[in-house]
Amino acid sequence: MRHPARLGIALTLALATAGCSTAAGGGSGTDAEPAAQAVSVTSCGRQLSFAAPPQRAVALDQTSTETLLELGLQDRMAGTANLKTKIPARYQAAYAEVPVIAPKIATGEQLRSATPDFVVAGSADLYTGDRAGTREELGSLKVPTFVSAVDCPKQNPAGKTPFELLFSDYENLGKVFGAEERARALAADQRAAVATAGANASKVPQGADRPTVVYLYSVFNGMPYVAGKTGLPSEMSRIIGAKNAFDDVDEDWPEVSWEEVAERDPDFIVIGDLSERGRPGDSAAEKRAAMTRHPVISRLAAVRDDKILTVPGIELDPSVRSVHTLGLLAQGMKDLGHVR
């Protein structure tokens, strides 16, 4: 935000106006609800307190939007932003009820126009001065800000897996909105899906090395971006009895060289299809072509023998959809012969 002070004053006035209109008109679906009790949750190192459930939440990205829609909260949303891929059929009707404040990353001005009483994001980098505003700025204006626990692993209890952190998001958001029962049911369903994926995966023989996997997210300017240690694919690999080949790189999606991929000589390659994003190198077809054209990569056994799986790229990042791709990986690698 270029003028923080000016925007802060405007946002304060807008929020005050929103509060008056909500009180006068009554939020959608609130008349029949019991009296709200104050709740507190912790998000990425910050304690957030609510005297009543939010009525004008804004989700700064598609991931957060779909989580709120899965919890049935579209009538509590004043805005969405940063649509990255096609909206699944199951969310289309609910998504259409939510105003789009920005087709891509929202600015402070765009967020201010929605007069939010709560802001939700899948990643902390959406809260910067030149984007929606910092969490400190929004906090000073009495606007609580939520960040997915998956993006703040060091701020959460040690030993929690990325999937468990994701499920804790559902439960915390359910608590904030008074939708605990639906949140618990969603978390339980997805825990069951994780367990099923592990049970359905091929079993590595006792004492054998786990098969290695390279997750190819994108190819930009001819360079591959793969899953590193801190991304969700490492946990997916563990669940299905495999190992992420770049687990020694402490990043989510590092840029590497094709030569580095060849040195790892993975048993399998997983391609994230990002066709709908539309950037060069995003589609599964482009990634396959890049590998088959490369003089070294084309000779890898995984490429020669077509030990390649294609999954929705957006589901390789933590979201309400990620358990779907976990199931695809478990079954797909089993079908390809999940042994060395």
C-alpha atoms as a PDB file:
ATOM      1  CA  MET A   1       0.000   0.000   0.000  1.00  0.00           C
ATOM      2  CA  ARG A   2       1.544   3.321  -1.097  1.00  0.00           C
ATOM      3  CA  HIS A   3      -0.127   5.474   1.574  1.00  0.00           C
ATOM      4  CA  PRO A   4      -0.632   3.331   4.702  1.00  0.00           C
ATOM      5  CA  ALA A   5      -1.906   6.130   6.895  1.00  0.00           C
ATOM      6  CA  ARG A   6      -4.459   7.358   4.364  1.00  0.00           C
ATOM      7  CA  LEU A   7      -5.647   3.833   3.616  1.00  0.00           C
ATOM      8  CA  GLY A   8      -5.815   3.031   7.314  1.00  0.00           C
ATOM      9  CA  ILE A   9      -8.143   5.972   7.988  1.00  0.00           C
ATOM     10  CA  ALA A  10     -10.335   5.011   5.042  1.00  0.00           C
ATOM     11  CA  LEU A  11     -10.481   1.386   6.090  1.00  0.00           C
ATOM     12  CA  THR A  12     -11.413   2.374   9.649  1.00  0.00           C
ATOM     13  CA  LEU A  13     -14.289   4.485   8.332  1.00  0.00           C
ATOM     14  CA  ALA A  14     -15.399   1.727   5.956  1.00  0.00           C
ATOM     15  CA  LEU A  15     -15.368  -0.860   8.709  1.00  0.00           C
ATOM     16  CA  ALA A  16     -17.382   1.396  10.990  1.00  0.00           C
ATOM     17  CA  THR A  17     -19.949   1.831   8.214  1.00  0.00           C
ATOM     18  CA  ALA A  18     -20.054  -1.932   7.633  1.00  0.00           C
ATOM     19  CA  GLY A  19     -20.645  -2.529  11.318  1.00  0.00           C
ATOM     20  CA  CYS A  20     -23.622  -0.173  11.316  1.00  0.00           C
ATOM     21  CA  SER A  21     -25.191  -1.721   8.217  1.00  0.00           C
ATOM     22  CA  THR A  22     -24.751  -5.261   9.550  1.00  0.00           C
ATOM     23  CA  ALA A  23     -26.330  -4.365  12.865  1.00  0.00           C
ATOM     24  CA  ALA A  24     -29.262  -2.693  11.166  1.00  0.00           C
ATOM     25  CA  GLY A  25     -29.964  -5.339   8.553  1.00  0.00           C
ATOM     26  CA  GLY A  26     -28.918  -8.509  10.347  1.00  0.00           C
ATOM     27  CA  GLY A  27     -26.360 -10.815   8.693  1.00  0.00           C
ATOM     28  CA  SER A  28     -27.588 -13.527   6.341  1.00  0.00           C
ATOM     29  CA  GLY A  29     -28.855 -16.517   8.296  1.00  0.00           C
ATOM     30  CA  THR A  30     -28.026 -15.040  11.708  1.00  0.00           C
ATOM     31  CA  ASP A  31     -31.555 -14.389  13.082  1.00  0.00           C
ATOM     32  CA  ALA A  32     -32.206 -18.035  13.948  1.00  0.00           C
ATOM     33  CA  GLU A  33     -28.784 -18.658  15.482  1.00  0.00           C
ATOM     34  CA  PRO A  34     -28.257 -18.788  19.237  1.00  0.00           C
ATOM     35  CA  ALA A  35     -26.442 -15.950  20.948  1.00  0.00           C
ATOM     36  CA  ALA A  36     -22.769 -16.056  19.974  1.00  0.00           C
ATOM     37  CA  GLN A  37     -20.060 -16.706  22.524  1.00  0.00           C
ATOM     38  CA  ALA A  38     -16.650 -15.094  22.324  1.00  0.00           C
ATOM     39  CA  VAL A  39     -13.966 -17.394  20.914  1.00  0.00           C
ATOM     40  CA  SER A  40     -10.217 -17.205  20.436  1.00  0.00           C
ATOM     41  CA  VAL A  41      -7.897 -19.109  18.111  1.00  0.00           C
ATOM     42  CA  THR A  42      -4.203 -18.836  17.342  1.00  0.00           C
ATOM     43  CA  SER A  43      -3.088 -18.348  13.745  1.00  0.00           C
ATOM     44  CA  CYS A  44       0.558 -18.202  12.722  1.00  0.00           C
ATOM     45  CA  GLY A  45       1.690 -16.864  16.089  1.00  0.00           C
ATOM     46  CA  ARG A  46      -1.176 -14.414  16.614  1.00  0.00           C
ATOM     47  CA  GLN A  47      -4.127 -14.826  18.931  1.00  0.00           C
ATOM     48  CA  LEU A  48      -7.388 -13.844  17.273  1.00  0.00           C
ATOM     49  CA  SER A  49     -10.462 -13.056  19.375  1.00  0.00           C
ATOM     50  CA  PHE A  50     -14.049 -12.786  18.171  1.00  0.00           C
ATOM     51  CA  ALA A  51     -17.018 -11.514  20.152  1.00  0.00           C
ATOM     52  CA  ALA A  52     -19.310 -12.951  17.467  1.00  0.00           C
ATOM     53  CA  PRO A  53     -18.868 -14.952  14.240  1.00  0.00           C
ATOM     54  CA  PRO A  54     -17.620 -12.888  11.279  1.00  0.00           C
ATOM     55  CA  GLN A  55     -20.237 -11.718   8.815  1.00  0.00           C
ATOM     56  CA  ARG A  56     -17.993 -10.127   6.147  1.00  0.00           C
ATOM     57  CA  ALA A  57     -15.018 -12.446   5.692  1.00  0.00           C
ATOM     58  CA  VAL A  58     -12.673 -11.996   2.729  1.00  0.00           C
ATOM     59  CA  ALA A  59     -10.566 -14.868   1.373  1.00  0.00           C
ATOM     60  CA  LEU A  60      -7.406 -13.666  -0.359  1.00  0.00           C
ATOM     61  CA  ASP A  61      -6.899 -16.770  -2.477  1.00  0.00           C
ATOM     62  CA  GLN A  62      -8.785 -19.617  -4.106  1.00  0.00           C
ATOM     63  CA  THR A  63      -7.535 -22.152  -1.568  1.00  0.00           C
ATOM     64  CA  SER A  64      -9.020 -20.246   1.364  1.00  0.00           C
ATOM     65  CA  THR A  65     -12.210 -19.552  -0.542  1.00  0.00           C
ATOM     66  CA  GLU A  66     -12.786 -23.233  -1.235  1.00  0.00           C
ATOM     67  CA  THR A  67     -12.171 -24.107   2.409  1.00  0.00           C
ATOM     68  CA  LEU A  68     -14.808 -21.599   3.527  1.00  0.00           C
ATOM     69  CA  LEU A  69     -17.220 -22.852   0.880  1.00  0.00           C
ATOM     70  CA  GLU A  70     -16.660 -26.447   2.001  1.00  0.00           C
ATOM     71  CA  LEU A  71     -17.709 -25.279   5.456  1.00  0.00           C
ATOM     72  CA  GLY A  72     -20.871 -23.739   3.980  1.00  0.00           C
ATOM     73  CA  LEU A  73     -19.872 -20.154   4.771  1.00  0.00           C
ATOM     74  CA  GLN A  74     -20.538 -18.364   1.468  1.00  0.00           C
ATOM     75  CA  ASP A  75     -23.235 -16.224   3.124  1.00  0.00           C
ATOM     76  CA  ARG A  76     -20.589 -14.916   5.552  1.00  0.00           C
ATOM     77  CA  MET A  77     -18.192 -13.846   2.770  1.00  0.00           C
ATOM     78  CA  ALA A  78     -17.768 -10.318   1.475  1.00  0.00           C
ATOM     79  CA  GLY A  79     -15.102 -11.145  -1.077  1.00  0.00           C
ATOM     80  CA  THR A  80     -12.727 -13.538  -2.797  1.00  0.00           C
ATOM     81  CA  ALA A  81      -9.574 -12.992  -4.852  1.00  0.00           C
ATOM     82  CA  ASN A  82      -6.720 -14.652  -6.726  1.00  0.00           C
ATOM     83  CA  LEU A  83      -8.508 -17.327  -8.742  1.00  0.00           C
ATOM     84  CA  LYS A  84      -5.781 -19.667 -10.038  1.00  0.00           C
ATOM     85  CA  THR A  85      -7.625 -22.466 -11.748  1.00  0.00           C
ATOM     86  CA  LYS A  86     -11.064 -23.587 -12.864  1.00  0.00           C
ATOM     87  CA  ILE A  87     -13.667 -23.681 -10.108  1.00  0.00           C
ATOM     88  CA  PRO A  88     -14.785 -27.294  -9.509  1.00  0.00           C
ATOM     89  CA  ALA A  89     -18.426 -28.040 -10.255  1.00  0.00           C
ATOM     90  CA  ARG A  90     -19.168 -28.696  -6.587  1.00  0.00           C
ATOM     91  CA  TYR A  91     -18.237 -25.105  -5.655  1.00  0.00           C
ATOM     92  CA  GLN A  92     -19.532 -23.176  -8.664  1.00  0.00           C
ATOM     93  CA  ALA A  93     -22.949 -22.215  -7.304  1.00  0.00           C
ATOM     94  CA  ALA A  94     -21.578 -21.124  -3.928  1.00  0.00           C
ATOM     95  CA  TYR A  95     -18.597 -19.341  -5.533  1.00  0.00           C
ATOM     96  CA  ALA A  96     -21.018 -17.304  -7.648  1.00  0.00           C
ATOM     97  CA  GLU A  97     -22.543 -15.872  -4.458  1.00  0.00           C
ATOM     98  CA  VAL A  98     -19.242 -14.321  -3.339  1.00  0.00           C
ATOM     99  CA  PRO A  99     -18.146 -10.925  -4.752  1.00  0.00           C
ATOM    100  CA  VAL A 100     -14.793 -10.997  -6.555  1.00  0.00           C
ATOM    101  CA  ILE A 101     -12.745  -8.108  -5.179  1.00  0.00           C
ATOM    102  CA  ALA A 102      -9.733  -8.925  -7.377  1.00  0.00           C
ATOM    103  CA  PRO A 103      -9.213 -11.501 -10.132  1.00  0.00           C
ATOM    104  CA  LYS A 104      -5.607 -11.905  -9.039  1.00  0.00           C
ATOM    105  CA  ILE A 105      -3.764 -10.815  -5.867  1.00  0.00           C
ATOM    106  CA  ALA A 106      -5.775  -8.223  -3.936  1.00  0.00           C
ATOM    107  CA  THR A 107      -4.385  -4.801  -3.042  1.00  0.00           C
ATOM    108  CA  GLY A 108      -5.094  -2.824   0.101  1.00  0.00           C
ATOM    109  CA  GLU A 109      -7.566  -0.667  -1.813  1.00  0.00           C
ATOM    110  CA  GLN A 110      -9.472  -3.689  -3.076  1.00  0.00           C
ATOM    111  CA  LEU A 111      -9.581  -5.269   0.353  1.00  0.00           C
ATOM    112  CA  ARG A 112     -10.750  -2.000   1.894  1.00  0.00           C
ATOM    113  CA  SER A 113     -13.628  -1.779  -0.587  1.00  0.00           C
ATOM    114  CA  ALA A 114     -15.044  -5.060   0.770  1.00  0.00           C
ATOM    115  CA  THR A 115     -15.213  -3.722   4.369  1.00  0.00           C
ATOM    116  CA  PRO A 116     -14.103  -7.032   5.913  1.00  0.00           C
ATOM    117  CA  ASP A 117     -14.405  -8.076   9.534  1.00  0.00           C
ATOM    118  CA  PHE A 118     -12.079 -11.070   9.018  1.00  0.00           C
ATOM    119  CA  VAL A 119      -9.436 -11.905   6.389  1.00  0.00           C
ATOM    120  CA  VAL A 120      -8.277 -15.428   5.523  1.00  0.00           C
ATOM    121  CA  ALA A 121      -5.258 -16.462   3.433  1.00  0.00           C
ATOM    122  CA  GLY A 122      -3.518 -19.682   2.563  1.00  0.00           C
ATOM    123  CA  SER A 123      -0.066 -18.104   2.700  1.00  0.00           C
ATOM    124  CA  ALA A 124       1.549 -15.334   4.704  1.00  0.00           C
ATOM    125  CA  ASP A 125       3.026 -13.620   1.633  1.00  0.00           C
ATOM    126  CA  LEU A 126      -0.412 -12.269   0.698  1.00  0.00           C
ATOM    127  CA  TYR A 127      -0.122  -9.967   3.730  1.00  0.00           C
ATOM    128  CA  THR A 128       2.477  -7.450   2.591  1.00  0.00           C
ATOM    129  CA  GLY A 129       2.454  -3.688   2.325  1.00  0.00           C
ATOM    130  CA  ASP A 130       2.163  -3.751  -1.462  1.00  0.00           C
ATOM    131  CA  ARG A 131      -0.571  -6.404  -1.427  1.00  0.00           C
ATOM    132  CA  ALA A 132      -3.474  -6.609   1.045  1.00  0.00           C
ATOM    133  CA  GLY A 133      -1.515  -4.931   3.841  1.00  0.00           C
ATOM    134  CA  THR A 134       0.531  -6.433   6.653  1.00  0.00           C
ATOM    135  CA  ARG A 135      -1.093  -8.365   9.473  1.00  0.00           C
ATOM    136  CA  GLU A 136       0.124  -5.634  11.830  1.00  0.00           C
ATOM    137  CA  GLU A 137      -1.604  -2.921   9.780  1.00  0.00           C
ATOM    138  CA  LEU A 138      -4.848  -4.823   9.579  1.00  0.00           C
ATOM    139  CA  GLY A 139      -4.644  -5.793  13.256  1.00  0.00           C
ATOM    140  CA  SER A 140      -4.317  -2.138  14.254  1.00  0.00           C
ATOM    141  CA  LEU A 141      -7.607  -1.569  12.452  1.00  0.00           C
ATOM    142  CA  LYS A 142      -9.265  -4.380  14.436  1.00  0.00           C
ATOM    143  CA  VAL A 143      -9.420  -6.694  11.411  1.00  0.00           C
ATOM    144  CA  PRO A 144      -8.267 -10.213  12.432  1.00  0.00           C
ATOM    145  CA  THR A 145      -6.105 -12.031   9.873  1.00  0.00           C
ATOM    146  CA  PHE A 146      -5.841 -15.793   9.499  1.00  0.00           C
ATOM    147  CA  VAL A 147      -2.994 -17.693   7.798  1.00  0.00           C
ATOM    148  CA  SER A 148      -3.066 -21.410   7.081  1.00  0.00           C
ATOM    149  CA  ALA A 149      -1.092 -23.338   9.679  1.00  0.00           C
ATOM    150  CA  VAL A 150       0.608 -25.218   6.838  1.00  0.00           C
ATOM    151  CA  ASP A 151       2.444 -22.017   5.892  1.00  0.00           C
ATOM    152  CA  CYS A 152       3.602 -21.483   9.497  1.00  0.00           C
ATOM    153  CA  PRO A 153       4.960 -24.875  10.632  1.00  0.00           C
ATOM    154  CA  LYS A 154       7.404 -23.320  13.115  1.00  0.00           C
ATOM    155  CA  GLN A 155       4.550 -21.548  14.884  1.00  0.00           C
ATOM    156  CA  ASN A 156       2.644 -24.790  15.450  1.00  0.00           C
ATOM    157  CA  PRO A 157       3.157 -27.810  17.728  1.00  0.00           C
ATOM    158  CA  ALA A 158       6.167 -29.883  16.741  1.00  0.00           C
ATOM    159  CA  GLY A 159       5.490 -33.187  15.043  1.00  0.00           C
ATOM    160  CA  LYS A 160       2.256 -32.190  13.301  1.00  0.00           C
ATOM    161  CA  THR A 161       2.209 -33.327   9.690  1.00  0.00           C
ATOM    162  CA  PRO A 162       1.190 -30.923   6.901  1.00  0.00           C
ATOM    163  CA  PHE A 163      -2.136 -32.726   6.577  1.00  0.00           C
ATOM    164  CA  GLU A 164      -2.788 -32.407  10.316  1.00  0.00           C
ATOM    165  CA  LEU A 165      -1.960 -28.693  10.108  1.00  0.00           C
ATOM    166  CA  LEU A 166      -4.417 -28.390   7.218  1.00  0.00           C
ATOM    167  CA  PHE A 167      -7.111 -30.157   9.220  1.00  0.00           C
ATOM    168  CA  SER A 168      -6.436 -27.827  12.160  1.00  0.00           C
ATOM    169  CA  ASP A 169      -7.283 -24.936   9.808  1.00  0.00           C
ATOM    170  CA  TYR A 170     -10.726 -26.432   9.235  1.00  0.00           C
ATOM    171  CA  GLU A 171     -11.288 -26.865  12.966  1.00  0.00           C
ATOM    172  CA  ASN A 172     -10.103 -23.358  13.876  1.00  0.00           C
ATOM    173  CA  LEU A 173     -12.192 -21.742  11.156  1.00  0.00           C
ATOM    174  CA  GLY A 174     -15.164 -23.817  12.266  1.00  0.00           C
ATOM    175  CA  LYS A 175     -14.685 -22.500  15.790  1.00  0.00           C
ATOM    176  CA  VAL A 176     -14.470 -18.885  14.587  1.00  0.00           C
ATOM    177  CA  PHE A 177     -17.636 -19.125  12.500  1.00  0.00           C
ATOM    178  CA  GLY A 178     -19.616 -21.351  14.848  1.00  0.00           C
ATOM    179  CA  ALA A 179     -19.457 -24.175  12.292  1.00  0.00           C
ATOM    180  CA  GLU A 180     -17.629 -26.674  14.497  1.00  0.00           C
ATOM    181  CA  GLU A 181     -19.720 -29.689  13.574  1.00  0.00           C
ATOM    182  CA  ARG A 182     -19.182 -29.247   9.834  1.00  0.00           C
ATOM    183  CA  ALA A 183     -15.472 -28.574  10.360  1.00  0.00           C
ATOM    184  CA  ARG A 184     -15.042 -31.707  12.478  1.00  0.00           C
ATOM    185  CA  ALA A 185     -16.857 -33.774   9.858  1.00  0.00           C
ATOM    186  CA  LEU A 186     -14.646 -32.393   7.069  1.00  0.00           C
ATOM    187  CA  ALA A 187     -11.459 -33.093   9.036  1.00  0.00           C
ATOM    188  CA  ALA A 188     -12.661 -36.601   9.889  1.00  0.00           C
ATOM    189  CA  ASP A 189     -13.523 -37.379   6.259  1.00  0.00           C
ATOM    190  CA  GLN A 190     -10.124 -36.206   5.060  1.00  0.00           C
ATOM    191  CA  ARG A 191      -8.243 -38.066   7.802  1.00  0.00           C
ATOM    192  CA  ALA A 192     -10.035 -41.174   6.603  1.00  0.00           C
ATOM    193  CA  ALA A 193      -8.988 -40.411   3.013  1.00  0.00           C
ATOM    194  CA  VAL A 194      -5.355 -40.097   4.117  1.00  0.00           C
ATOM    195  CA  ALA A 195      -5.582 -43.445   5.919  1.00  0.00           C
ATOM    196  CA  THR A 196      -7.167 -45.062   2.875  1.00  0.00           C
ATOM    197  CA  ALA A 197      -4.420 -43.760   0.575  1.00  0.00           C
ATOM    198  CA  GLY A 198      -1.789 -45.263   2.852  1.00  0.00           C
ATOM    199  CA  ALA A 199      -3.624 -48.579   2.999  1.00  0.00           C
ATOM    200  CA  ASN A 200      -4.114 -48.681  -0.782  1.00  0.00           C
ATOM    201  CA  ALA A 201      -0.483 -47.948  -1.633  1.00  0.00           C
ATOM    202  CA  SER A 202       1.796 -50.796  -2.610  1.00  0.00           C
ATOM    203  CA  LYS A 203       3.917 -52.070   0.243  1.00  0.00           C
ATOM    204  CA  VAL A 204       7.681 -51.744  -0.020  1.00  0.00           C
ATOM    205  CA  PRO A 205       9.359 -55.066   0.859  1.00  0.00           C
ATOM    206  CA  GLN A 206      10.987 -55.190   4.289  1.00  0.00           C
ATOM    207  CA  GLY A 207      14.503 -53.765   4.122  1.00  0.00           C
ATOM    208  CA  ALA A 208      14.098 -52.344   0.603  1.00  0.00           C
ATOM    209  CA  ASP A 209      14.753 -48.714  -0.220  1.00  0.00           C
ATOM    210  CA  ARG A 210      11.664 -46.646  -0.789  1.00  0.00           C
ATOM    211  CA  PRO A 211      11.060 -45.702  -4.438  1.00  0.00           C
ATOM    212  CA  THR A 212      11.991 -42.088  -5.187  1.00  0.00           C
ATOM    213  CA  VAL A 213       9.729 -39.534  -6.813  1.00  0.00           C
ATOM    214  CA  VAL A 214      10.383 -36.201  -8.503  1.00  0.00           C
ATOM    215  CA  TYR A 215       7.387 -33.860  -8.470  1.00  0.00           C
ATOM    216  CA  LEU A 216       7.587 -31.535 -11.469  1.00  0.00           C
ATOM    217  CA  TYR A 217       5.468 -28.473 -10.748  1.00  0.00           C
ATOM    218  CA  SER A 218       6.471 -26.152 -13.567  1.00  0.00           C
ATOM    219  CA  VAL A 219       9.017 -25.554 -16.304  1.00  0.00           C
ATOM    220  CA  PHE A 220       9.814 -21.853 -16.614  1.00  0.00           C
ATOM    221  CA  ASN A 221      12.386 -20.529 -19.076  1.00  0.00           C
ATOM    222  CA  GLY A 222      13.454 -24.118 -19.592  1.00  0.00           C
ATOM    223  CA  MET A 223      14.202 -24.725 -15.900  1.00  0.00           C
ATOM    224  CA  PRO A 224      12.273 -27.236 -13.779  1.00  0.00           C
ATOM    225  CA  TYR A 225      10.612 -26.374 -10.469  1.00  0.00           C
ATOM    226  CA  VAL A 226      10.286 -29.428  -8.244  1.00  0.00           C
ATOM    227  CA  ALA A 227       8.960 -30.277  -4.793  1.00  0.00           C
ATOM    228  CA  GLY A 228      11.439 -29.700  -1.992  1.00  0.00           C
ATOM    229  CA  LYS A 229      11.440 -30.821   1.616  1.00  0.00           C
ATOM    230  CA  THR A 230       8.911 -28.363   3.022  1.00  0.00           C
ATOM    231  CA  GLY A 231       6.116 -28.858   0.481  1.00  0.00           C
ATOM    232  CA  LEU A 232       3.132 -31.167   0.837  1.00  0.00           C
ATOM    233  CA  PRO A 233       4.485 -33.730  -1.696  1.00  0.00           C
ATOM    234  CA  SER A 234       7.117 -34.891   0.796  1.00  0.00           C
ATOM    235  CA  GLU A 235       4.357 -35.880   3.205  1.00  0.00           C
ATOM    236  CA  MET A 236       2.355 -37.437   0.368  1.00  0.00           C
ATOM    237  CA  SER A 237       5.410 -39.526  -0.537  1.00  0.00           C
ATOM    238  CA  ARG A 238       5.785 -40.777   3.018  1.00  0.00           C
ATOM    239  CA  ILE A 239       2.120 -41.789   3.197  1.00  0.00           C
ATOM    240  CA  ILE A 240       2.315 -43.865   0.018  1.00  0.00           C
ATOM    241  CA  GLY A 241       5.627 -45.488   0.944  1.00  0.00           C
ATOM    242  CA  ALA A 242       7.898 -43.486  -1.355  1.00  0.00           C
ATOM    243  CA  LYS A 243      10.486 -40.726  -0.921  1.00  0.00           C
ATOM    244  CA  ASN A 244      10.629 -37.270  -2.459  1.00  0.00           C
ATOM    245  CA  ALA A 245      13.906 -37.188  -4.397  1.00  0.00           C
ATOM    246  CA  PHE A 246      14.581 -33.562  -3.381  1.00  0.00           C
ATOM    247  CA  ASP A 247      13.923 -33.953   0.337  1.00  0.00           C
ATOM    248  CA  ASP A 248      17.338 -32.448   1.023  1.00  0.00           C
ATOM    249  CA  VAL A 249      16.288 -29.025  -0.329  1.00  0.00           C
ATOM    250  CA  ASP A 250      14.675 -26.901   2.394  1.00  0.00           C
ATOM    251  CA  GLU A 251      12.122 -25.144   0.161  1.00  0.00           C
ATOM    252  CA  ASP A 252       8.595 -25.779  -1.086  1.00  0.00           C
ATOM    253  CA  TRP A 253       9.208 -25.527  -4.850  1.00  0.00           C
ATOM    254  CA  PRO A 254      12.891 -24.857  -5.636  1.00  0.00           C
ATOM    255  CA  GLU A 255      14.223 -24.216  -9.102  1.00  0.00           C
ATOM    256  CA  VAL A 256      16.781 -26.885 -10.016  1.00  0.00           C
ATOM    257  CA  SER A 257      18.530 -27.975 -13.198  1.00  0.00           C
ATOM    258  CA  TRP A 258      17.629 -30.897 -15.425  1.00  0.00           C
ATOM    259  CA  GLU A 259      21.065 -32.296 -14.637  1.00  0.00           C
ATOM    260  CA  GLU A 260      20.168 -32.364 -10.939  1.00  0.00           C
ATOM    261  CA  VAL A 261      16.978 -34.255 -11.755  1.00  0.00           C
ATOM    262  CA  ALA A 262      19.023 -36.747 -13.779  1.00  0.00           C
ATOM    263  CA  GLU A 263      21.457 -37.231 -10.893  1.00  0.00           C
ATOM    264  CA  ARG A 264      18.560 -38.213  -8.607  1.00  0.00           C
ATOM    265  CA  ASP A 265      17.429 -40.764 -11.229  1.00  0.00           C
ATOM    266  CA  PRO A 266      13.910 -41.063  -9.751  1.00  0.00           C
ATOM    267  CA  ASP A 267      11.864 -44.232  -9.991  1.00  0.00           C
ATOM    268  CA  PHE A 268       8.758 -42.163 -10.743  1.00  0.00           C
ATOM    269  CA  ILE A 269       7.962 -38.663 -11.966  1.00  0.00           C
ATOM    270  CA  VAL A 270       4.776 -36.850 -10.976  1.00  0.00           C
ATOM    271  CA  ILE A 271       3.721 -34.005 -13.242  1.00  0.00           C
ATOM    272  CA  GLY A 272       1.524 -31.252 -11.861  1.00  0.00           C
ATOM    273  CA  ASP A 273      -0.832 -30.122 -14.621  1.00  0.00           C
ATOM    274  CA  LEU A 274      -1.360 -26.365 -14.384  1.00  0.00           C
ATOM    275  CA  SER A 275      -2.845 -25.914 -17.857  1.00  0.00           C
ATOM    276  CA  GLU A 276      -5.549 -23.538 -16.657  1.00  0.00           C
ATOM    277  CA  ARG A 277      -2.986 -21.149 -15.174  1.00  0.00           C
ATOM    278  CA  GLY A 278      -1.747 -20.626 -18.711  1.00  0.00           C
ATOM    279  CA  ARG A 279       1.906 -19.755 -18.169  1.00  0.00           C
ATOM    280  CA  PRO A 280       4.604 -21.177 -20.457  1.00  0.00           C
ATOM    281  CA  GLY A 281       5.606 -24.648 -19.234  1.00  0.00           C
ATOM    282  CA  ASP A 282       2.491 -25.120 -17.090  1.00  0.00           C
ATOM    283  CA  SER A 283       0.662 -27.854 -18.977  1.00  0.00           C
ATOM    284  CA  ALA A 284       1.375 -31.541 -18.531  1.00  0.00           C
ATOM    285  CA  ALA A 285       1.959 -31.850 -22.285  1.00  0.00           C
ATOM    286  CA  GLU A 286       4.658 -29.149 -22.208  1.00  0.00           C
ATOM    287  CA  LYS A 287       6.414 -30.834 -19.288  1.00  0.00           C
ATOM    288  CA  ARG A 288       6.381 -34.206 -20.997  1.00  0.00           C
ATOM    289  CA  ALA A 289       7.735 -32.604 -24.161  1.00  0.00           C
ATOM    290  CA  ALA A 290      10.519 -30.871 -22.239  1.00  0.00           C
ATOM    291  CA  MET A 291      11.607 -34.195 -20.720  1.00  0.00           C
ATOM    292  CA  THR A 292      11.453 -36.195 -23.943  1.00  0.00           C
ATOM    293  CA  ARG A 293      13.457 -33.522 -25.793  1.00  0.00           C
ATOM    294  CA  HIS A 294      16.172 -33.255 -23.155  1.00  0.00           C
ATOM    295  CA  PRO A 295      19.263 -35.279 -24.140  1.00  0.00           C
ATOM    296  CA  VAL A 296      19.840 -36.580 -20.605  1.00  0.00           C
ATOM    297  CA  ILE A 297      16.371 -36.662 -19.011  1.00  0.00           C
ATOM    298  CA  SER A 298      14.960 -38.560 -21.992  1.00  0.00           C
ATOM    299  CA  ARG A 299      17.291 -41.462 -21.146  1.00  0.00           C
ATOM    300  CA  LEU A 300      16.088 -41.854 -17.557  1.00  0.00           C
ATOM    301  CA  ALA A 301      14.289 -45.142 -16.921  1.00  0.00           C
ATOM    302  CA  ALA A 302      11.287 -43.308 -15.476  1.00  0.00           C
ATOM    303  CA  VAL A 303      10.875 -41.437 -18.787  1.00  0.00           C
ATOM    304  CA  ARG A 304      11.727 -44.361 -21.076  1.00  0.00           C
ATOM    305  CA  ASP A 305       9.357 -46.713 -19.256  1.00  0.00           C
ATOM    306  CA  ASP A 306       6.668 -44.035 -18.820  1.00  0.00           C
ATOM    307  CA  LYS A 307       6.704 -44.219 -15.022  1.00  0.00           C
ATOM    308  CA  ILE A 308       5.005 -40.832 -15.083  1.00  0.00           C
ATOM    309  CA  LEU A 309       1.805 -39.751 -13.335  1.00  0.00           C
ATOM    310  CA  THR A 310      -0.172 -36.595 -14.056  1.00  0.00           C
ATOM    311  CA  VAL A 311      -2.156 -34.943 -11.270  1.00  0.00           C
ATOM    312  CA  PRO A 312      -3.862 -31.537 -10.877  1.00  0.00           C
ATOM    313  CA  GLY A 313      -1.031 -29.143 -10.068  1.00  0.00           C
ATOM    314  CA  ILE A 314      -3.077 -27.011  -7.707  1.00  0.00           C
ATOM    315  CA  GLU A 315      -3.704 -30.060  -5.518  1.00  0.00           C
ATOM    316  CA  LEU A 316       0.028 -30.437  -4.825  1.00  0.00           C
ATOM    317  CA  ASP A 317      -0.258 -27.309  -2.681  1.00  0.00           C
ATOM    318  CA  PRO A 318      -2.171 -27.677   0.604  1.00  0.00           C
ATOM    319  CA  SER A 319      -5.892 -27.259   0.067  1.00  0.00           C
ATOM    320  CA  VAL A 320      -9.233 -28.877   0.693  1.00  0.00           C
ATOM    321  CA  ARG A 321      -8.608 -30.765  -2.582  1.00  0.00           C
ATOM    322  CA  SER A 322      -5.202 -32.255  -1.711  1.00  0.00           C
ATOM    323  CA  VAL A 323      -6.520 -35.579  -0.407  1.00  0.00           C
ATOM    324  CA  HIS A 324      -7.896 -36.204  -3.904  1.00  0.00           C
ATOM    325  CA  THR A 325      -4.422 -36.115  -5.449  1.00  0.00           C
ATOM    326  CA  LEU A 326      -3.047 -38.184  -2.577  1.00  0.00           C
ATOM    327  CA  GLY A 327      -5.486 -40.919  -3.609  1.00  0.00           C
ATOM    328  CA  LEU A 328      -4.457 -40.546  -7.255  1.00  0.00           C
ATOM    329  CA  LEU A 329      -0.799 -40.974  -6.288  1.00  0.00           C
ATOM    330  CA  ALA A 330      -1.426 -44.045  -4.158  1.00  0.00           C
ATOM    331  CA  GLN A 331      -3.424 -45.815  -6.869  1.00  0.00           C
ATOM    332  CA  GLY A 332      -1.311 -44.563  -9.767  1.00  0.00           C
ATOM    333  CA  MET A 333       2.000 -45.665  -8.322  1.00  0.00           C
ATOM    334  CA  LYS A 334       0.490 -48.997  -7.374  1.00  0.00           C
ATOM    335  CA  ASP A 335      -0.665 -49.461 -10.973  1.00  0.00           C
ATOM    336  CA  LEU A 336       2.828 -48.596 -12.238  1.00  0.00           C
ATOM    337  CA  GLY A 337       4.479 -51.177  -9.981  1.00  0.00           C
ATOM    338  CA  HIS A 338       5.459 -49.396  -6.773  1.00  0.00           C
ATOM    339  CA  VAL A 339       8.714 -51.348  -6.251  1.00  0.00           C
ATOM    340  CA  ARG A 340      12.286 -50.917  -7.373  1.00  0.00           C
END
